[in-house]
Amino acid sequence: MICGTIYYKQPAGVLAMAMLGWGDGLAPIIGTRYGKMKYHVLSDKSVEGSLAFLAGSLAAGLFFSHLIVPESFNAGKILIIALIATVVEGASPKEVDNLTIPLAVIAASRFL
């Protein structure tokens, strides 16, 4: 809701929605099917799922930033934000990451 209203068509909002949608969509699919290396912070996750999150969030961030806000496209910044989002996703409980990921992405976008 915050991304769609306050950050509508702004780089931070585009990145937050893209990374949440693609990254958090891929992580459980890949992690459940192929996840062999498990870890636990506040919930059970897998390295494979986290790598899928990173790949999906990076791809989505690059794609949608270039498509929607090309004037602010910065691949290096998007990579750093995707890494931050991956760490936050890996440390978040499964039901809370839909809030923590966009907040982390928006905060990282604003400070970088």
PDB file of N, CA and C in Angstrom:
ATOM      1  N   MET A   1       0.822  -1.187   0.000  1.00  0.00           N
ATOM      2  CA  MET A   1       0.000   0.000   0.000  1.00  0.00           C
ATOM      3  C   MET A   1       0.868   1.254   0.000  1.00  0.00           C
ATOM      4  N   ILE A   2       1.902   1.281   0.832  1.00  0.00           N
ATOM      5  CA  ILE A   2       2.791   2.438   0.878  1.00  0.00           C
ATOM      6  C   ILE A   2       3.463   2.635  -0.470  1.00  0.00           C
ATOM      7  N   CYS A   3       3.918   1.534  -1.069  1.00  0.00           N
ATOM      8  CA  CYS A   3       4.619   1.620  -2.350  1.00  0.00           C
ATOM      9  C   CYS A   3       3.703   2.126  -3.444  1.00  0.00           C
ATOM     10  N   GLY A   4       2.449   1.717  -3.432  1.00  0.00           N
ATOM     11  CA  GLY A   4       1.515   2.093  -4.475  1.00  0.00           C
ATOM     12  C   GLY A   4       0.949   3.488  -4.324  1.00  0.00           C
ATOM     13  N   THR A   5       1.032   4.070  -3.150  1.00  0.00           N
ATOM     14  CA  THR A   5       0.470   5.402  -2.945  1.00  0.00           C
ATOM     15  C   THR A   5       1.554   6.455  -2.757  1.00  0.00           C
ATOM     16  N   ILE A   6       2.324   6.331  -1.711  1.00  0.00           N
ATOM     17  CA  ILE A   6       3.334   7.348  -1.400  1.00  0.00           C
ATOM     18  C   ILE A   6       4.490   7.314  -2.400  1.00  0.00           C
ATOM     19  N   TYR A   7       4.913   6.116  -2.798  1.00  0.00           N
ATOM     20  CA  TYR A   7       6.076   5.983  -3.672  1.00  0.00           C
ATOM     21  C   TYR A   7       5.690   5.588  -5.097  1.00  0.00           C
ATOM     22  N   TYR A   8       4.507   5.959  -5.534  1.00  0.00           N
ATOM     23  CA  TYR A   8       4.026   5.619  -6.873  1.00  0.00           C
ATOM     24  C   TYR A   8       4.956   6.178  -7.949  1.00  0.00           C
ATOM     25  N   LYS A   9       5.459   5.292  -8.806  1.00  0.00           N
ATOM     26  CA  LYS A   9       6.364   5.616  -9.912  1.00  0.00           C
ATOM     27  C   LYS A   9       7.635   6.338  -9.467  1.00  0.00           C
ATOM     28  N   GLN A  10       8.017   6.151  -8.225  1.00  0.00           N
ATOM     29  CA  GLN A  10       9.293   6.646  -7.730  1.00  0.00           C
ATOM     30  C   GLN A  10      10.246   5.457  -7.657  1.00  0.00           C
ATOM     31  N   PRO A  11      11.537   5.692  -7.826  1.00  0.00           N
ATOM     32  CA  PRO A  11      12.488   4.575  -7.834  1.00  0.00           C
ATOM     33  C   PRO A  11      12.378   3.648  -6.624  1.00  0.00           C
ATOM     34  N   ALA A  12      12.217   4.198  -5.433  1.00  0.00           N
ATOM     35  CA  ALA A  12      12.133   3.363  -4.227  1.00  0.00           C
ATOM     36  C   ALA A  12      10.909   2.460  -4.257  1.00  0.00           C
ATOM     37  N   GLY A  13       9.774   2.986  -4.663  1.00  0.00           N
ATOM     38  CA  GLY A  13       8.555   2.195  -4.728  1.00  0.00           C
ATOM     39  C   GLY A  13       8.597   1.131  -5.811  1.00  0.00           C
ATOM     40  N   VAL A  14       9.177   1.492  -6.954  1.00  0.00           N
ATOM     41  CA  VAL A  14       9.310   0.528  -8.050  1.00  0.00           C
ATOM     42  C   VAL A  14      10.195  -0.632  -7.610  1.00  0.00           C
ATOM     43  N   LEU A  15      11.323  -0.320  -6.992  1.00  0.00           N
ATOM     44  CA  LEU A  15      12.223  -1.376  -6.525  1.00  0.00           C
ATOM     45  C   LEU A  15      11.577  -2.240  -5.447  1.00  0.00           C
ATOM     46  N   ALA A  16      10.882  -1.618  -4.522  1.00  0.00           N
ATOM     47  CA  ALA A  16      10.256  -2.372  -3.428  1.00  0.00           C
ATOM     48  C   ALA A  16       9.238  -3.366  -3.966  1.00  0.00           C
ATOM     49  N   MET A  17       8.379  -2.933  -4.857  1.00  0.00           N
ATOM     50  CA  MET A  17       7.356  -3.825  -5.396  1.00  0.00           C
ATOM     51  C   MET A  17       7.968  -4.895  -6.300  1.00  0.00           C
ATOM     52  N   ALA A  18       8.950  -4.510  -7.099  1.00  0.00           N
ATOM     53  CA  ALA A  18       9.589  -5.466  -8.003  1.00  0.00           C
ATOM     54  C   ALA A  18      10.317  -6.553  -7.219  1.00  0.00           C
ATOM     55  N   MET A  19      11.105  -6.149  -6.237  1.00  0.00           N
ATOM     56  CA  MET A  19      11.887  -7.113  -5.471  1.00  0.00           C
ATOM     57  C   MET A  19      10.996  -8.002  -4.612  1.00  0.00           C
ATOM     58  N   LEU A  20       9.957  -7.434  -4.056  1.00  0.00           N
ATOM     59  CA  LEU A  20       9.026  -8.250  -3.272  1.00  0.00           C
ATOM     60  C   LEU A  20       8.299  -9.235  -4.178  1.00  0.00           C
ATOM     61  N   GLY A  21       7.837  -8.770  -5.311  1.00  0.00           N
ATOM     62  CA  GLY A  21       7.066  -9.629  -6.204  1.00  0.00           C
ATOM     63  C   GLY A  21       7.867 -10.778  -6.790  1.00  0.00           C
ATOM     64  N   TRP A  22       8.978 -10.471  -7.415  1.00  0.00           N
ATOM     65  CA  TRP A  22       9.765 -11.516  -8.077  1.00  0.00           C
ATOM     66  C   TRP A  22      10.626 -12.285  -7.091  1.00  0.00           C
ATOM     67  N   GLY A  23      11.338 -11.583  -6.219  1.00  0.00           N
ATOM     68  CA  GLY A  23      12.239 -12.255  -5.289  1.00  0.00           C
ATOM     69  C   GLY A  23      11.508 -13.124  -4.296  1.00  0.00           C
ATOM     70  N   ASP A  24      10.503 -12.544  -3.652  1.00  0.00           N
ATOM     71  CA  ASP A  24       9.767 -13.296  -2.643  1.00  0.00           C
ATOM     72  C   ASP A  24       8.844 -14.328  -3.284  1.00  0.00           C
ATOM     73  N   GLY A  25       8.558 -14.171  -4.556  1.00  0.00           N
ATOM     74  CA  GLY A  25       7.784 -15.182  -5.262  1.00  0.00           C
ATOM     75  C   GLY A  25       8.621 -16.407  -5.617  1.00  0.00           C
ATOM     76  N   LEU A  26       9.871 -16.178  -6.006  1.00  0.00           N
ATOM     77  CA  LEU A  26      10.760 -17.279  -6.387  1.00  0.00           C
ATOM     78  C   LEU A  26      11.338 -18.036  -5.194  1.00  0.00           C
ATOM     79  N   ALA A  27      11.644 -17.342  -4.130  1.00  0.00           N
ATOM     80  CA  ALA A  27      12.355 -17.944  -3.000  1.00  0.00           C
ATOM     81  C   ALA A  27      11.683 -19.202  -2.454  1.00  0.00           C
ATOM     82  N   PRO A  28      10.391 -19.185  -2.140  1.00  0.00           N
ATOM     83  CA  PRO A  28       9.804 -20.411  -1.580  1.00  0.00           C
ATOM     84  C   PRO A  28       9.684 -21.539  -2.603  1.00  0.00           C
ATOM     85  N   ILE A  29       9.499 -21.199  -3.854  1.00  0.00           N
ATOM     86  CA  ILE A  29       9.387 -22.241  -4.887  1.00  0.00           C
ATOM     87  C   ILE A  29      10.718 -22.983  -5.020  1.00  0.00           C
ATOM     88  N   ILE A  30      11.785 -22.231  -5.211  1.00  0.00           N
ATOM     89  CA  ILE A  30      13.113 -22.832  -5.364  1.00  0.00           C
ATOM     90  C   ILE A  30      13.577 -23.452  -4.052  1.00  0.00           C
ATOM     91  N   GLY A  31      13.371 -22.742  -2.950  1.00  0.00           N
ATOM     92  CA  GLY A  31      13.795 -23.246  -1.649  1.00  0.00           C
ATOM     93  C   GLY A  31      13.114 -24.542  -1.254  1.00  0.00           C
ATOM     94  N   THR A  32      11.823 -24.649  -1.524  1.00  0.00           N
ATOM     95  CA  THR A  32      11.086 -25.862  -1.182  1.00  0.00           C
ATOM     96  C   THR A  32      11.492 -27.034  -2.075  1.00  0.00           C
ATOM     97  N   ARG A  33      11.644 -26.765  -3.344  1.00  0.00           N
ATOM     98  CA  ARG A  33      11.943 -27.839  -4.289  1.00  0.00           C
ATOM     99  C   ARG A  33      13.410 -28.259  -4.275  1.00  0.00           C
ATOM    100  N   TYR A  34      14.320 -27.281  -4.210  1.00  0.00           N
ATOM    101  CA  TYR A  34      15.740 -27.589  -4.351  1.00  0.00           C
ATOM    102  C   TYR A  34      16.569 -27.300  -3.107  1.00  0.00           C
ATOM    103  N   GLY A  35      15.957 -26.762  -2.070  1.00  0.00           N
ATOM    104  CA  GLY A  35      16.693 -26.349  -0.887  1.00  0.00           C
ATOM    105  C   GLY A  35      17.288 -27.505  -0.096  1.00  0.00           C
ATOM    106  N   LYS A  36      18.587 -27.611  -0.105  1.00  0.00           N
ATOM    107  CA  LYS A  36      19.299 -28.653   0.650  1.00  0.00           C
ATOM    108  C   LYS A  36      20.069 -28.050   1.837  1.00  0.00           C
ATOM    109  N   MET A  37      20.592 -26.852   1.643  1.00  0.00           N
ATOM    110  CA  MET A  37      21.387 -26.203   2.696  1.00  0.00           C
ATOM    111  C   MET A  37      20.463 -25.272   3.496  1.00  0.00           C
ATOM    112  N   LYS A  38      20.046 -25.734   4.641  1.00  0.00           N
ATOM    113  CA  LYS A  38      19.083 -25.003   5.463  1.00  0.00           C
ATOM    114  C   LYS A  38      19.795 -24.105   6.481  1.00  0.00           C
ATOM    115  N   TYR A  39      19.104 -23.039   6.854  1.00  0.00           N
ATOM    116  CA  TYR A  39      19.553 -22.205   7.968  1.00  0.00           C
ATOM    117  C   TYR A  39      18.323 -21.680   8.690  1.00  0.00           C
ATOM    118  N   HIS A  40      18.514 -21.214   9.889  1.00  0.00           N
ATOM    119  CA  HIS A  40      17.404 -20.745  10.710  1.00  0.00           C
ATOM    120  C   HIS A  40      17.826 -19.451  11.400  1.00  0.00           C
ATOM    121  N   VAL A  41      17.096 -18.376  11.144  1.00  0.00           N
ATOM    122  CA  VAL A  41      17.291 -17.137  11.893  1.00  0.00           C
ATOM    123  C   VAL A  41      16.046 -16.951  12.756  1.00  0.00           C
ATOM    124  N   LEU A  42      14.946 -16.543  12.172  1.00  0.00           N
ATOM    125  CA  LEU A  42      13.671 -16.484  12.889  1.00  0.00           C
ATOM    126  C   LEU A  42      12.665 -17.467  12.308  1.00  0.00           C
ATOM    127  N   SER A  43      13.026 -18.059  11.184  1.00  0.00           N
ATOM    128  CA  SER A  43      12.242 -19.131  10.576  1.00  0.00           C
ATOM    129  C   SER A  43      13.178 -19.948   9.693  1.00  0.00           C
ATOM    130  N   ASP A  44      12.725 -21.110   9.285  1.00  0.00           N
ATOM    131  CA  ASP A  44      13.557 -21.981   8.455  1.00  0.00           C
ATOM    132  C   ASP A  44      13.608 -21.468   7.022  1.00  0.00           C
ATOM    133  N   LYS A  45      14.820 -21.348   6.501  1.00  0.00           N
ATOM    134  CA  LYS A  45      15.053 -20.902   5.128  1.00  0.00           C
ATOM    135  C   LYS A  45      16.130 -21.789   4.533  1.00  0.00           C
ATOM    136  N   SER A  46      16.357 -21.633   3.228  1.00  0.00           N
ATOM    137  CA  SER A  46      17.434 -22.375   2.580  1.00  0.00           C
ATOM    138  C   SER A  46      18.312 -21.404   1.796  1.00  0.00           C
ATOM    139  N   VAL A  47      19.566 -21.788   1.657  1.00  0.00           N
ATOM    140  CA  VAL A  47      20.502 -20.981   0.878  1.00  0.00           C
ATOM    141  C   VAL A  47      20.021 -20.876  -0.563  1.00  0.00           C
ATOM    142  N   GLU A  48      19.517 -21.985  -1.102  1.00  0.00           N
ATOM    143  CA  GLU A  48      19.033 -21.984  -2.482  1.00  0.00           C
ATOM    144  C   GLU A  48      17.853 -21.028  -2.663  1.00  0.00           C
ATOM    145  N   GLY A  49      16.946 -20.992  -1.696  1.00  0.00           N
ATOM    146  CA  GLY A  49      15.827 -20.058  -1.745  1.00  0.00           C
ATOM    147  C   GLY A  49      16.287 -18.617  -1.652  1.00  0.00           C
ATOM    148  N   SER A  50      17.279 -18.382  -0.801  1.00  0.00           N
ATOM    149  CA  SER A  50      17.813 -17.023  -0.674  1.00  0.00           C
ATOM    150  C   SER A  50      18.537 -16.581  -1.945  1.00  0.00           C
ATOM    151  N   LEU A  51      19.252 -17.500  -2.583  1.00  0.00           N
ATOM    152  CA  LEU A  51      19.899 -17.164  -3.857  1.00  0.00           C
ATOM    153  C   LEU A  51      18.859 -16.897  -4.942  1.00  0.00           C
ATOM    154  N   ALA A  52      17.761 -17.632  -4.910  1.00  0.00           N
ATOM    155  CA  ALA A  52      16.669 -17.381  -5.853  1.00  0.00           C
ATOM    156  C   ALA A  52      16.054 -16.011  -5.584  1.00  0.00           C
ATOM    157  N   PHE A  53      15.917 -15.660  -4.306  1.00  0.00           N
ATOM    158  CA  PHE A  53      15.414 -14.334  -3.963  1.00  0.00           C
ATOM    159  C   PHE A  53      16.338 -13.268  -4.536  1.00  0.00           C
ATOM    160  N   LEU A  54      17.637 -13.432  -4.343  1.00  0.00           N
ATOM    161  CA  LEU A  54      18.600 -12.459  -4.847  1.00  0.00           C
ATOM    162  C   LEU A  54      18.504 -12.343  -6.364  1.00  0.00           C
ATOM    163  N   ALA A  55      18.489 -13.462  -7.061  1.00  0.00           N
ATOM    164  CA  ALA A  55      18.419 -13.438  -8.529  1.00  0.00           C
ATOM    165  C   ALA A  55      17.116 -12.794  -9.006  1.00  0.00           C
ATOM    166  N   GLY A  56      16.004 -13.178  -8.395  1.00  0.00           N
ATOM    167  CA  GLY A  56      14.713 -12.624  -8.796  1.00  0.00           C
ATOM    168  C   GLY A  56      14.592 -11.148  -8.489  1.00  0.00           C
ATOM    169  N   SER A  57      15.048 -10.743  -7.321  1.00  0.00           N
ATOM    170  CA  SER A  57      14.938  -9.326  -6.955  1.00  0.00           C
ATOM    171  C   SER A  57      15.880  -8.465  -7.793  1.00  0.00           C
ATOM    172  N   LEU A  58      17.058  -8.975  -8.087  1.00  0.00           N
ATOM    173  CA  LEU A  58      17.982  -8.230  -8.941  1.00  0.00           C
ATOM    174  C   LEU A  58      17.416  -8.092 -10.353  1.00  0.00           C
ATOM    175  N   ALA A  59      16.938  -9.200 -10.912  1.00  0.00           N
ATOM    176  CA  ALA A  59      16.370  -9.158 -12.264  1.00  0.00           C
ATOM    177  C   ALA A  59      15.173  -8.213 -12.332  1.00  0.00           C
ATOM    178  N   ALA A  60      14.284  -8.314 -11.358  1.00  0.00           N
ATOM    179  CA  ALA A  60      13.101  -7.453 -11.340  1.00  0.00           C
ATOM    180  C   ALA A  60      13.486  -5.993 -11.130  1.00  0.00           C
ATOM    181  N   GLY A  61      14.420  -5.752 -10.229  1.00  0.00           N
ATOM    182  CA  GLY A  61      14.864  -4.379  -9.995  1.00  0.00           C
ATOM    183  C   GLY A  61      15.452  -3.750 -11.244  1.00  0.00           C
ATOM    184  N   LEU A  62      16.301  -4.486 -11.927  1.00  0.00           N
ATOM    185  CA  LEU A  62      16.901  -3.978 -13.161  1.00  0.00           C
ATOM    186  C   LEU A  62      15.843  -3.756 -14.242  1.00  0.00           C
ATOM    187  N   PHE A  63      14.976  -4.737 -14.427  1.00  0.00           N
ATOM    188  CA  PHE A  63      13.960  -4.667 -15.474  1.00  0.00           C
ATOM    189  C   PHE A  63      12.982  -3.520 -15.250  1.00  0.00           C
ATOM    190  N   PHE A  64      12.367  -3.483 -14.062  1.00  0.00           N
ATOM    191  CA  PHE A  64      11.325  -2.493 -13.828  1.00  0.00           C
ATOM    192  C   PHE A  64      11.877  -1.083 -13.641  1.00  0.00           C
ATOM    193  N   SER A  65      13.064  -0.957 -13.090  1.00  0.00           N
ATOM    194  CA  SER A  65      13.662   0.375 -12.993  1.00  0.00           C
ATOM    195  C   SER A  65      13.938   0.936 -14.381  1.00  0.00           C
ATOM    196  N   HIS A  66      14.497   0.093 -15.238  1.00  0.00           N
ATOM    197  CA  HIS A  66      14.771   0.532 -16.607  1.00  0.00           C
ATOM    198  C   HIS A  66      13.472   0.851 -17.346  1.00  0.00           C
ATOM    199  N   LEU A  67      12.421   0.086 -17.091  1.00  0.00           N
ATOM    200  CA  LEU A  67      11.148   0.252 -17.779  1.00  0.00           C
ATOM    201  C   LEU A  67      10.357   1.456 -17.273  1.00  0.00           C
ATOM    202  N   ILE A  68      10.293   1.633 -15.959  1.00  0.00           N
ATOM    203  CA  ILE A  68       9.386   2.624 -15.371  1.00  0.00           C
ATOM    204  C   ILE A  68      10.080   3.934 -15.005  1.00  0.00           C
ATOM    205  N   VAL A  69      11.286   3.850 -14.465  1.00  0.00           N
ATOM    206  CA  VAL A  69      12.005   5.068 -14.049  1.00  0.00           C
ATOM    207  C   VAL A  69      13.425   5.068 -14.636  1.00  0.00           C
ATOM    208  N   PRO A  70      13.531   5.087 -15.967  1.00  0.00           N
ATOM    209  CA  PRO A  70      14.860   4.969 -16.592  1.00  0.00           C
ATOM    210  C   PRO A  70      15.806   6.115 -16.244  1.00  0.00           C
ATOM    211  N   GLU A  71      15.271   7.261 -15.893  1.00  0.00           N
ATOM    212  CA  GLU A  71      16.122   8.404 -15.569  1.00  0.00           C
ATOM    213  C   GLU A  71      16.930   8.196 -14.289  1.00  0.00           C
ATOM    214  N   SER A  72      16.502   7.265 -13.445  1.00  0.00           N
ATOM    215  CA  SER A  72      17.229   7.020 -12.195  1.00  0.00           C
ATOM    216  C   SER A  72      17.873   5.634 -12.175  1.00  0.00           C
ATOM    217  N   PHE A  73      17.987   4.988 -13.339  1.00  0.00           N
ATOM    218  CA  PHE A  73      18.540   3.639 -13.414  1.00  0.00           C
ATOM    219  C   PHE A  73      20.007   3.633 -12.999  1.00  0.00           C
ATOM    220  N   ASN A  74      20.332   2.770 -12.019  1.00  0.00           N
ATOM    221  CA  ASN A  74      21.701   2.632 -11.534  1.00  0.00           C
ATOM    222  C   ASN A  74      21.889   1.170 -11.117  1.00  0.00           C
ATOM    223  N   ALA A  75      22.523   0.393 -11.994  1.00  0.00           N
ATOM    224  CA  ALA A  75      22.651  -1.050 -11.773  1.00  0.00           C
ATOM    225  C   ALA A  75      23.412  -1.381 -10.489  1.00  0.00           C
ATOM    226  N   GLY A  76      24.448  -0.627 -10.182  1.00  0.00           N
ATOM    227  CA  GLY A  76      25.213  -0.874  -8.960  1.00  0.00           C
ATOM    228  C   GLY A  76      24.375  -0.674  -7.712  1.00  0.00           C
ATOM    229  N   LYS A  77      23.597   0.381  -7.701  1.00  0.00           N
ATOM    230  CA  LYS A  77      22.721   0.664  -6.560  1.00  0.00           C
ATOM    231  C   LYS A  77      21.650  -0.412  -6.431  1.00  0.00           C
ATOM    232  N   ILE A  78      21.111  -0.858  -7.552  1.00  0.00           N
ATOM    233  CA  ILE A  78      20.090  -1.900  -7.531  1.00  0.00           C
ATOM    234  C   ILE A  78      20.672  -3.205  -6.983  1.00  0.00           C
ATOM    235  N   LEU A  79      21.896  -3.522  -7.357  1.00  0.00           N
ATOM    236  CA  LEU A  79      22.549  -4.731  -6.837  1.00  0.00           C
ATOM    237  C   LEU A  79      22.714  -4.657  -5.324  1.00  0.00           C
ATOM    238  N   ILE A  80      23.170  -3.526  -4.821  1.00  0.00           N
ATOM    239  CA  ILE A  80      23.351  -3.360  -3.372  1.00  0.00           C
ATOM    240  C   ILE A  80      22.011  -3.477  -2.649  1.00  0.00           C
ATOM    241  N   ILE A  81      20.971  -2.864  -3.201  1.00  0.00           N
ATOM    242  CA  ILE A  81      19.651  -2.934  -2.585  1.00  0.00           C
ATOM    243  C   ILE A  81      19.118  -4.362  -2.615  1.00  0.00           C
ATOM    244  N   ALA A  82      19.356  -5.084  -3.706  1.00  0.00           N
ATOM    245  CA  ALA A  82      18.929  -6.485  -3.793  1.00  0.00           C
ATOM    246  C   ALA A  82      19.649  -7.330  -2.743  1.00  0.00           C
ATOM    247  N   LEU A  83      20.922  -7.058  -2.512  1.00  0.00           N
ATOM    248  CA  LEU A  83      21.668  -7.778  -1.469  1.00  0.00           C
ATOM    249  C   LEU A  83      21.092  -7.484  -0.086  1.00  0.00           C
ATOM    250  N   ILE A  84      20.789  -6.226   0.174  1.00  0.00           N
ATOM    251  CA  ILE A  84      20.187  -5.839   1.454  1.00  0.00           C
ATOM    252  C   ILE A  84      18.834  -6.527   1.629  1.00  0.00           C
ATOM    253  N   ALA A  85      18.021  -6.508   0.581  1.00  0.00           N
ATOM    254  CA  ALA A  85      16.701  -7.152   0.641  1.00  0.00           C
ATOM    255  C   ALA A  85      16.826  -8.652   0.888  1.00  0.00           C
ATOM    256  N   THR A  86      17.858  -9.276   0.317  1.00  0.00           N
ATOM    257  CA  THR A  86      18.079 -10.707   0.518  1.00  0.00           C
ATOM    258  C   THR A  86      18.409 -11.016   1.972  1.00  0.00           C
ATOM    259  N   VAL A  87      19.248 -10.201   2.571  1.00  0.00           N
ATOM    260  CA  VAL A  87      19.594 -10.392   3.987  1.00  0.00           C
ATOM    261  C   VAL A  87      18.352 -10.205   4.862  1.00  0.00           C
ATOM    262  N   VAL A  88      17.579  -9.174   4.569  1.00  0.00           N
ATOM    263  CA  VAL A  88      16.361  -8.913   5.347  1.00  0.00           C
ATOM    264  C   VAL A  88      15.373 -10.060   5.191  1.00  0.00           C
ATOM    265  N   GLU A  89      15.207 -10.562   3.966  1.00  0.00           N
ATOM    266  CA  GLU A  89      14.299 -11.689   3.736  1.00  0.00           C
ATOM    267  C   GLU A  89      14.773 -12.926   4.486  1.00  0.00           C
ATOM    268  N   GLY A  90      16.059 -13.175   4.480  1.00  0.00           N
ATOM    269  CA  GLY A  90      16.605 -14.339   5.163  1.00  0.00           C
ATOM    270  C   GLY A  90      16.466 -14.279   6.668  1.00  0.00           C
ATOM    271  N   ALA A  91      16.427 -13.074   7.213  1.00  0.00           N
ATOM    272  CA  ALA A  91      16.328 -12.909   8.661  1.00  0.00           C
ATOM    273  C   ALA A  91      14.898 -12.692   9.144  1.00  0.00           C
ATOM    274  N   SER A  92      13.955 -12.522   8.228  1.00  0.00           N
ATOM    275  CA  SER A  92      12.572 -12.219   8.607  1.00  0.00           C
ATOM    276  C   SER A  92      11.745 -13.492   8.781  1.00  0.00           C
ATOM    277  N   PRO A  93      10.828 -13.469   9.733  1.00  0.00           N
ATOM    278  CA  PRO A  93       9.863 -14.569   9.804  1.00  0.00           C
ATOM    279  C   PRO A  93       9.043 -14.604   8.513  1.00  0.00           C
ATOM    280  N   LYS A  94       8.572 -15.781   8.136  1.00  0.00           N
ATOM    281  CA  LYS A  94       7.898 -15.943   6.847  1.00  0.00           C
ATOM    282  C   LYS A  94       6.697 -15.025   6.663  1.00  0.00           C
ATOM    283  N   GLU A  95       5.937 -14.777   7.676  1.00  0.00           N
ATOM    284  CA  GLU A  95       4.726 -13.964   7.530  1.00  0.00           C
ATOM    285  C   GLU A  95       5.002 -12.465   7.619  1.00  0.00           C
ATOM    286  N   VAL A  96       6.173 -12.080   8.056  1.00  0.00           N
ATOM    287  CA  VAL A  96       6.483 -10.672   8.263  1.00  0.00           C
ATOM    288  C   VAL A  96       7.278 -10.087   7.103  1.00  0.00           C
ATOM    289  N   ASP A  97       7.864 -10.930   6.263  1.00  0.00           N
ATOM    290  CA  ASP A  97       8.748 -10.416   5.217  1.00  0.00           C
ATOM    291  C   ASP A  97       8.031  -9.578   4.168  1.00  0.00           C
ATOM    292  N   ASN A  98       6.716  -9.700   4.050  1.00  0.00           N
ATOM    293  CA  ASN A  98       5.981  -8.833   3.130  1.00  0.00           C
ATOM    294  C   ASN A  98       5.977  -7.384   3.590  1.00  0.00           C
ATOM    295  N   LEU A  99       6.286  -7.156   4.845  1.00  0.00           N
ATOM    296  CA  LEU A  99       6.445  -5.801   5.371  1.00  0.00           C
ATOM    297  C   LEU A  99       7.912  -5.391   5.438  1.00  0.00           C
ATOM    298  N   THR A 100       8.762  -6.293   5.908  1.00  0.00           N
ATOM    299  CA  THR A 100      10.166  -5.927   6.116  1.00  0.00           C
ATOM    300  C   THR A 100      10.930  -5.717   4.812  1.00  0.00           C
ATOM    301  N   ILE A 101      10.616  -6.496   3.779  1.00  0.00           N
ATOM    302  CA  ILE A 101      11.341  -6.341   2.515  1.00  0.00           C
ATOM    303  C   ILE A 101      11.082  -4.968   1.890  1.00  0.00           C
ATOM    304  N   PRO A 102       9.809  -4.560   1.675  1.00  0.00           N
ATOM    305  CA  PRO A 102       9.609  -3.229   1.094  1.00  0.00           C
ATOM    306  C   PRO A 102      10.167  -2.102   1.959  1.00  0.00           C
ATOM    307  N   LEU A 103      10.029  -2.231   3.270  1.00  0.00           N
ATOM    308  CA  LEU A 103      10.576  -1.180   4.144  1.00  0.00           C
ATOM    309  C   LEU A 103      12.092  -1.090   4.021  1.00  0.00           C
ATOM    310  N   ALA A 104      12.760  -2.236   3.966  1.00  0.00           N
ATOM    311  CA  ALA A 104      14.215  -2.245   3.822  1.00  0.00           C
ATOM    312  C   ALA A 104      14.640  -1.685   2.469  1.00  0.00           C
ATOM    313  N   VAL A 105      13.908  -2.047   1.424  1.00  0.00           N
ATOM    314  CA  VAL A 105      14.247  -1.558   0.080  1.00  0.00           C
ATOM    315  C   VAL A 105      14.042  -0.051  -0.002  1.00  0.00           C
ATOM    316  N   ILE A 106      12.935   0.444   0.535  1.00  0.00           N
ATOM    317  CA  ILE A 106      12.687   1.888   0.517  1.00  0.00           C
ATOM    318  C   ILE A 106      13.747   2.617   1.329  1.00  0.00           C
ATOM    319  N   ALA A 107      14.072   2.104   2.511  1.00  0.00           N
ATOM    320  CA  ALA A 107      15.094   2.744   3.342  1.00  0.00           C
ATOM    321  C   ALA A 107      16.447   2.737   2.632  1.00  0.00           C
ATOM    322  N   ALA A 108      16.831   1.617   2.061  1.00  0.00           N
ATOM    323  CA  ALA A 108      18.105   1.546   1.346  1.00  0.00           C
ATOM    324  C   ALA A 108      18.116   2.473   0.143  1.00  0.00           C
ATOM    325  N   SER A 109      17.012   2.558  -0.562  1.00  0.00           N
ATOM    326  CA  SER A 109      16.924   3.456  -1.730  1.00  0.00           C
ATOM    327  C   SER A 109      17.093   4.904  -1.325  1.00  0.00           C
ATOM    328  N   ARG A 110      16.532   5.243  -0.195  1.00  0.00           N
ATOM    329  CA  ARG A 110      16.606   6.642   0.256  1.00  0.00           C
ATOM    330  C   ARG A 110      18.002   7.025   0.743  1.00  0.00           C
ATOM    331  N   PHE A 111      18.723   6.049   1.333  1.00  0.00           N
ATOM    332  CA  PHE A 111      20.024   6.363   1.924  1.00  0.00           C
ATOM    333  C   PHE A 111      21.191   6.160   0.979  1.00  0.00           C
ATOM    334  N   LEU A 112      21.001   5.407  -0.099  1.00  0.00           N
ATOM    335  CA  LEU A 112      22.111   5.171  -1.036  1.00  0.00           C
ATOM    336  C   LEU A 112      22.130   6.219  -2.130  1.00  0.00           C
TER     337      LEU A 112
END
